[in-house]
Amino acid sequence: MPATILIVDDEPTNRDLLETFLAPEGHRVLMAENGEAALQLFSTYHPDLVLLDVMMPKLSGLEVCRLMKSSPESRLTPVVLVTGLSAIEDRVSGIEAGADDFLTKPIDCVELLARVRSLLSLKSYTDELERAESVLMALARSIESKDPYTEGHCDRLHELAAKLGEELGLPQQEITALRRAGIVHDMGKVAVPDSILLKRGSLTAQEWTIVHKHPLVGEQICAPLKSFRALLPIIRHHHEKLDGSGYPDHIKGDAIPVTARVLQITDVYDALPTERPYKPALSSANALETMREEVNRGWWDPRIFDRFQKMLAATGSDGLG
């Protein structure tokens, strides 16, 4: 499929040659003569592929590649380093900068087009994945918007859970999972009727049975996305309790994934100061006091809760802004 391709080279003849190869394929070609111009064009047009010369004045191709791959908006865009360098250490430097492929000068037209087609095909799959993730995120926010009592809960949890994960020194992939799970953890509430979700007063035993299924439904919705794999244990187990009295699996202690235990703490803390149909709002201080009682009762992880309290004290914020 035709795509937008950014060519970055300080030599006009090199840029023109690449354009001559690519334009007949129907691609839209953008050209930049240096690294700074490339970054500006990328920010404006969001190309599907970047062909990047390595040896350029000021910002080298390696530096531009590293900057692109460190930015959330551009890290999934394929970058091909175009170079006359052939030493192994030069290739290693390119890989370390995040390059997806290499082309050696002088450029062979057949090789160029084959690599471009391959990388654009991969980019199309990546775009489909991002669209699927966006749909799930939008669905999660629409579920939240039905309940005026939970307005902003997902956004606050998205930040608070990630901060607590960082405070605990969790691996980056688990922090990313916590950030995403903060948005989609209650996705399964799409299967809970509004008459139950918004009911004032106590739920019946039958209604609680329906509510208790929402972590399983959320897990089923998100399971097809491989990029959400690390989220699934958080979604399924964020209502478990250390003493086994939670749901849906009634697991205990360390059997509850640490990421789920982190989300529990932030989820409960954000919910307690919020008025709900079945309870009044608490102050943040009273919420922490209530949670301390629940920790002593054996519900929440005491180590994580202590770190959470210290984190709030260190920032001088209640985390609910």
Protein backbone atom coordinates (compact mmCIF):
# COMPACT_ATOMS: atom_id res chain seq x y z
CA MET A 1 0.00 0.00 0.00
CA PRO A 2 1.24 3.54 -0.68
CA ALA A 3 2.82 5.08 2.38
CA THR A 4 4.55 8.23 3.59
CA ILE A 5 8.32 7.80 3.62
CA LEU A 6 10.81 10.27 5.09
CA ILE A 7 14.24 10.41 3.43
CA VAL A 8 16.97 12.03 5.51
CA ASP A 9 20.33 12.75 3.85
CA ASP A 10 22.58 15.81 3.66
CA GLU A 11 23.43 15.04 0.01
CA PRO A 12 20.70 16.21 -2.43
CA THR A 13 21.71 13.63 -5.06
CA ASN A 14 21.20 10.79 -2.57
CA ARG A 15 17.77 12.13 -1.61
CA ASP A 16 16.76 12.50 -5.26
CA LEU A 17 17.92 8.97 -6.09
CA LEU A 18 15.85 7.40 -3.31
CA GLU A 19 12.83 9.47 -4.35
CA THR A 20 13.27 8.23 -7.93
CA PHE A 21 13.07 4.64 -6.69
CA LEU A 22 10.12 5.18 -4.33
CA ALA A 23 7.81 7.65 -6.10
CA PRO A 24 6.79 5.21 -8.90
CA GLU A 25 5.53 2.85 -6.19
CA GLY A 26 2.94 5.48 -5.26
CA HIS A 27 4.59 6.49 -2.00
CA ARG A 28 4.46 10.03 -0.68
CA VAL A 29 8.07 11.11 -0.19
CA LEU A 30 9.24 13.70 2.32
CA MET A 31 12.86 14.86 2.32
CA ALA A 32 15.05 16.39 5.03
CA GLU A 33 18.63 17.57 4.66
CA ASN A 34 19.63 17.18 8.32
CA GLY A 35 18.60 15.59 11.60
CA GLU A 36 16.83 18.63 13.03
CA ALA A 37 14.65 19.01 9.93
CA ALA A 38 13.91 15.28 10.02
CA LEU A 39 12.60 15.43 13.58
CA GLN A 40 10.40 18.42 12.71
CA LEU A 41 8.98 16.70 9.62
CA PHE A 42 8.36 13.53 11.60
CA SER A 43 6.46 15.44 14.29
CA THR A 44 4.28 17.10 11.63
CA TYR A 45 3.58 14.26 9.20
CA HIS A 46 4.13 11.02 11.18
CA PRO A 47 5.63 9.03 8.28
CA ASP A 48 5.30 5.27 8.01
CA LEU A 49 9.00 4.66 7.34
CA VAL A 50 12.27 6.58 7.68
CA LEU A 51 15.32 6.12 5.45
CA LEU A 52 18.12 7.73 7.44
CA ASP A 53 21.67 8.49 6.36
CA VAL A 54 24.20 7.77 9.09
CA MET A 55 26.95 10.29 8.29
CA MET A 56 25.45 13.76 8.64
CA PRO A 57 26.72 17.00 10.23
CA LYS A 58 25.38 18.16 13.61
CA LEU A 59 22.96 15.33 14.48
CA SER A 60 24.21 12.04 13.06
CA GLY A 61 21.82 9.41 11.79
CA LEU A 62 22.51 7.32 14.87
CA GLU A 63 21.52 10.22 17.14
CA VAL A 64 18.34 10.89 15.15
CA CYS A 65 17.45 7.19 15.24
CA ARG A 66 18.01 7.07 19.00
CA LEU A 67 15.78 10.12 19.52
CA MET A 68 13.01 8.67 17.35
CA LYS A 69 13.10 5.32 19.12
CA SER A 70 13.01 6.95 22.56
CA SER A 71 9.78 8.85 21.79
CA PRO A 72 6.40 7.12 22.33
CA GLU A 73 4.99 8.71 19.17
CA SER A 74 7.75 7.41 16.89
CA ARG A 75 9.31 4.33 18.50
CA LEU A 76 7.22 1.89 16.45
CA THR A 77 8.01 3.54 13.12
CA PRO A 78 10.58 1.51 11.14
CA VAL A 79 13.92 3.26 10.69
CA VAL A 80 16.36 2.06 8.03
CA LEU A 81 19.95 3.29 8.34
CA VAL A 82 21.51 4.02 4.97
CA THR A 83 25.28 3.87 5.21
CA GLY A 84 28.51 3.25 3.41
CA LEU A 85 29.99 1.83 6.61
CA SER A 86 30.25 -1.93 6.68
CA ALA A 87 32.22 -2.70 9.84
CA ILE A 88 30.51 -4.92 12.41
CA GLU A 89 30.89 -2.26 15.13
CA ASP A 90 29.01 0.25 12.96
CA ARG A 91 26.12 -2.20 12.57
CA VAL A 92 26.14 -2.88 16.29
CA SER A 93 25.95 0.87 16.96
CA GLY A 94 22.94 1.07 14.67
CA ILE A 95 21.20 -1.81 16.42
CA GLU A 96 21.87 -0.21 19.79
CA ALA A 97 20.34 3.04 18.48
CA GLY A 98 17.16 1.09 17.63
CA ALA A 99 17.48 0.74 13.85
CA ASP A 100 15.12 -1.78 12.27
CA ASP A 101 17.19 -2.45 9.16
CA PHE A 102 20.25 -1.36 7.14
CA LEU A 103 20.93 -0.49 3.52
CA THR A 104 24.46 -0.26 2.20
CA LYS A 105 25.51 2.36 -0.33
CA PRO A 106 25.43 2.30 -3.27
CA ILE A 107 21.73 1.54 -3.06
CA ASP A 108 20.33 -1.31 -5.12
CA CYS A 109 16.78 -0.48 -6.26
CA VAL A 110 15.48 -4.06 -5.99
CA GLU A 111 16.86 -4.50 -2.47
CA LEU A 112 15.51 -1.11 -1.38
CA LEU A 113 11.97 -1.83 -2.57
CA ALA A 114 11.96 -5.31 -1.05
CA ARG A 115 13.02 -4.00 2.36
CA VAL A 116 10.56 -1.10 2.18
CA ARG A 117 7.66 -3.44 1.34
CA SER A 118 8.60 -5.79 4.18
CA LEU A 119 8.86 -3.04 6.78
CA LEU A 120 5.68 -1.30 5.63
CA SER A 121 3.81 -4.59 5.93
CA LEU A 122 5.08 -4.94 9.50
CA LYS A 123 4.09 -1.32 10.20
CA SER A 124 0.54 -2.00 8.99
CA TYR A 125 0.18 -4.85 11.49
CA THR A 126 1.54 -2.58 14.22
CA ASP A 127 -0.98 0.10 13.29
CA GLU A 128 -3.82 -2.44 13.48
CA LEU A 129 -2.64 -3.45 16.93
CA GLU A 130 -2.53 0.18 18.08
CA ARG A 131 -6.04 0.73 16.76
CA ALA A 132 -7.30 -2.33 18.64
CA GLU A 133 -5.66 -1.07 21.84
CA SER A 134 -7.22 2.36 21.29
CA VAL A 135 -10.66 0.80 20.88
CA LEU A 136 -10.31 -1.08 24.18
CA MET A 137 -9.08 2.04 25.97
CA ALA A 138 -12.01 4.03 24.57
CA LEU A 139 -14.44 1.29 25.63
CA ALA A 140 -13.01 1.32 29.15
CA ARG A 141 -13.44 5.09 29.40
CA SER A 142 -16.99 4.89 28.06
CA ILE A 143 -17.86 2.34 30.76
CA GLU A 144 -16.43 4.67 33.38
CA SER A 145 -18.37 7.64 31.98
CA LYS A 146 -21.69 5.87 32.61
CA ASP A 147 -21.09 6.18 36.34
CA PRO A 148 -20.81 9.82 37.50
CA TYR A 149 -19.32 8.60 40.78
CA THR A 150 -16.21 7.19 39.10
CA GLU A 151 -15.37 10.14 36.83
CA GLY A 152 -11.59 10.45 36.45
CA HIS A 153 -10.92 7.21 38.35
CA CYS A 154 -9.14 5.51 35.43
CA ASP A 155 -6.87 8.47 34.72
CA ARG A 156 -5.89 8.79 38.38
CA LEU A 157 -5.29 5.06 38.70
CA HIS A 158 -3.30 5.05 35.47
CA GLU A 159 -0.78 7.44 37.06
CA LEU A 160 -0.93 6.34 40.69
CA ALA A 161 -0.40 2.63 40.03
CA ALA A 162 2.57 3.32 37.75
CA LYS A 163 4.15 5.63 40.34
CA LEU A 164 3.76 3.00 43.04
CA GLY A 165 5.28 0.40 40.72
CA GLU A 166 8.28 2.69 40.21
CA GLU A 167 8.53 3.24 43.97
CA LEU A 168 8.70 -0.53 44.45
CA GLY A 169 11.39 -0.90 41.78
CA LEU A 170 9.29 -3.14 39.54
CA PRO A 171 10.59 -3.90 36.02
CA GLN A 172 9.61 -1.43 33.33
CA GLN A 173 7.31 -3.90 31.57
CA GLU A 174 5.31 -4.34 34.79
CA ILE A 175 5.10 -0.57 35.27
CA THR A 176 3.80 -0.25 31.71
CA ALA A 177 1.26 -3.00 32.44
CA LEU A 178 0.10 -1.14 35.56
CA ARG A 179 -0.29 2.08 33.59
CA ARG A 180 -2.47 0.35 31.01
CA ALA A 181 -4.36 -1.73 33.55
CA GLY A 182 -5.29 1.44 35.39
CA ILE A 183 -7.46 2.26 32.39
CA VAL A 184 -8.88 -1.17 31.48
CA HIS A 185 -9.01 -3.06 34.81
CA ASP A 186 -12.80 -2.70 35.06
CA MET A 187 -13.45 -3.37 31.38
CA GLY A 188 -15.60 -6.37 32.35
CA LYS A 189 -18.23 -4.06 33.84
CA VAL A 190 -19.56 -3.80 30.29
CA ALA A 191 -21.38 -7.06 31.18
CA VAL A 192 -22.88 -5.61 34.39
CA PRO A 193 -26.33 -4.07 33.80
CA ASP A 194 -26.68 -0.38 34.67
CA SER A 195 -29.48 -1.30 37.08
CA ILE A 196 -26.82 -3.06 39.16
CA LEU A 197 -23.85 -0.80 38.42
CA LEU A 198 -25.73 2.36 39.44
CA LYS A 199 -27.99 0.86 42.10
CA ARG A 200 -28.39 2.86 45.29
CA GLY A 201 -28.25 0.71 48.38
CA SER A 202 -27.18 -2.86 48.94
CA LEU A 203 -26.94 -5.45 46.18
CA THR A 204 -28.69 -8.79 46.43
CA ALA A 205 -26.71 -12.03 46.48
CA GLN A 206 -27.65 -12.63 42.85
CA GLU A 207 -26.51 -9.13 41.86
CA TRP A 208 -23.18 -9.64 43.64
CA THR A 209 -22.69 -12.85 41.66
CA ILE A 210 -22.98 -10.83 38.45
CA VAL A 211 -20.58 -8.14 39.72
CA HIS A 212 -18.03 -10.77 40.78
CA LYS A 213 -17.80 -12.00 37.20
CA HIS A 214 -16.53 -8.69 35.78
CA PRO A 215 -12.78 -9.47 36.25
CA LEU A 216 -13.24 -12.66 34.22
CA VAL A 217 -15.15 -10.85 31.49
CA GLY A 218 -12.48 -8.14 31.37
CA GLU A 219 -9.77 -10.77 31.02
CA GLN A 220 -11.67 -12.45 28.17
CA ILE A 221 -12.08 -9.15 26.31
CA CYS A 222 -8.39 -8.26 26.53
CA ALA A 223 -6.95 -11.79 26.05
CA PRO A 224 -6.80 -11.72 22.22
CA LEU A 225 -4.29 -8.85 22.27
CA LYS A 226 -0.77 -10.19 22.80
CA SER A 227 0.38 -6.72 23.85
CA PHE A 228 -2.08 -6.94 26.78
CA ARG A 229 -0.74 -10.28 28.01
CA ALA A 230 0.96 -8.73 31.07
CA LEU A 231 -2.32 -6.98 31.95
CA LEU A 232 -4.40 -10.14 32.19
CA PRO A 233 -3.32 -11.19 35.73
CA ILE A 234 -3.96 -7.63 36.96
CA ILE A 235 -7.44 -7.51 35.41
CA ARG A 236 -8.39 -10.95 36.72
CA HIS A 237 -7.02 -10.62 40.25
CA HIS A 238 -7.41 -6.96 41.24
CA HIS A 239 -10.32 -7.88 43.55
CA GLU A 240 -8.56 -10.74 45.34
CA LYS A 241 -7.52 -10.36 49.00
CA LEU A 242 -4.50 -11.74 50.80
CA ASP A 243 -6.67 -13.83 53.15
CA GLY A 244 -8.49 -15.47 50.23
CA SER A 245 -11.80 -13.67 50.78
CA GLY A 246 -11.66 -11.80 47.46
CA TYR A 247 -12.87 -12.82 44.02
CA PRO A 248 -13.08 -14.41 41.49
CA ASP A 249 -10.58 -17.18 42.38
CA HIS A 250 -10.22 -16.71 46.17
CA ILE A 251 -6.44 -17.02 45.94
CA LYS A 252 -4.23 -15.99 48.87
CA GLY A 253 -0.97 -14.22 49.67
CA ASP A 254 1.80 -14.35 47.11
CA ALA A 255 -0.42 -16.32 44.75
CA ILE A 256 -1.87 -12.91 43.90
CA PRO A 257 0.49 -11.33 41.32
CA VAL A 258 2.45 -8.39 42.68
CA THR A 259 1.09 -6.13 39.94
CA ALA A 260 -2.46 -6.96 41.01
CA ARG A 261 -1.53 -6.22 44.64
CA VAL A 262 -0.16 -2.84 43.57
CA LEU A 263 -3.31 -1.96 41.64
CA GLN A 264 -5.49 -3.06 44.59
CA ILE A 265 -3.87 -0.53 46.90
CA THR A 266 -4.27 2.38 44.49
CA ASP A 267 -7.74 1.30 43.40
CA VAL A 268 -9.10 1.12 46.96
CA TYR A 269 -7.38 4.35 47.95
CA ASP A 270 -8.91 6.23 45.02
CA ALA A 271 -12.37 4.77 45.62
CA LEU A 272 -12.68 5.53 49.35
CA PRO A 273 -12.56 9.35 49.03
CA THR A 274 -15.21 9.19 46.31
CA GLU A 275 -18.92 9.27 47.07
CA ARG A 276 -20.67 6.17 45.76
CA PRO A 277 -24.36 5.21 45.84
CA TYR A 278 -23.60 2.76 48.67
CA LYS A 279 -21.20 4.90 50.78
CA PRO A 280 -20.18 8.48 51.62
CA ALA A 281 -16.83 9.96 50.61
CA LEU A 282 -13.91 9.80 53.06
CA SER A 283 -11.05 12.24 53.40
CA SER A 284 -7.70 10.97 52.11
CA ALA A 285 -6.48 10.68 55.74
CA ASN A 286 -9.54 8.64 56.72
CA ALA A 287 -9.12 6.53 53.60
CA LEU A 288 -5.57 5.62 54.64
CA GLU A 289 -6.77 4.86 58.18
CA THR A 290 -9.49 2.60 56.82
CA MET A 291 -6.99 0.84 54.57
CA ARG A 292 -4.61 0.31 57.52
CA GLU A 293 -7.46 -1.46 59.33
CA GLU A 294 -8.03 -3.60 56.24
CA VAL A 295 -4.32 -4.40 56.06
CA ASN A 296 -4.46 -5.58 59.69
CA ARG A 297 -7.51 -7.64 58.75
CA GLY A 298 -5.37 -9.44 56.19
CA TRP A 299 -6.81 -7.95 52.99
CA TRP A 300 -3.95 -5.94 51.45
CA ASP A 301 -0.19 -6.39 51.19
CA PRO A 302 1.33 -4.54 54.21
CA ARG A 303 4.70 -3.94 52.52
CA ILE A 304 3.13 -2.37 49.45
CA PHE A 305 0.74 -0.32 51.57
CA ASP A 306 3.62 1.05 53.68
CA ARG A 307 5.54 2.07 50.56
CA PHE A 308 2.39 3.68 49.22
CA GLN A 309 1.97 5.78 52.36
CA LYS A 310 5.62 6.84 52.24
CA MET A 311 5.27 7.75 48.57
CA LEU A 312 2.30 10.02 49.29
CA ALA A 313 4.10 11.61 52.25
CA ALA A 314 7.25 12.21 50.16
CA THR A 315 5.33 13.92 47.36
CA GLY A 316 3.23 16.00 49.75
CA SER A 317 0.16 15.08 47.72
CA ASP A 318 -2.87 12.93 48.34
CA GLY A 319 -2.52 11.53 44.80
CA LEU A 320 -6.14 12.36 43.97
CA GLY A 321 -5.65 15.55 42.01
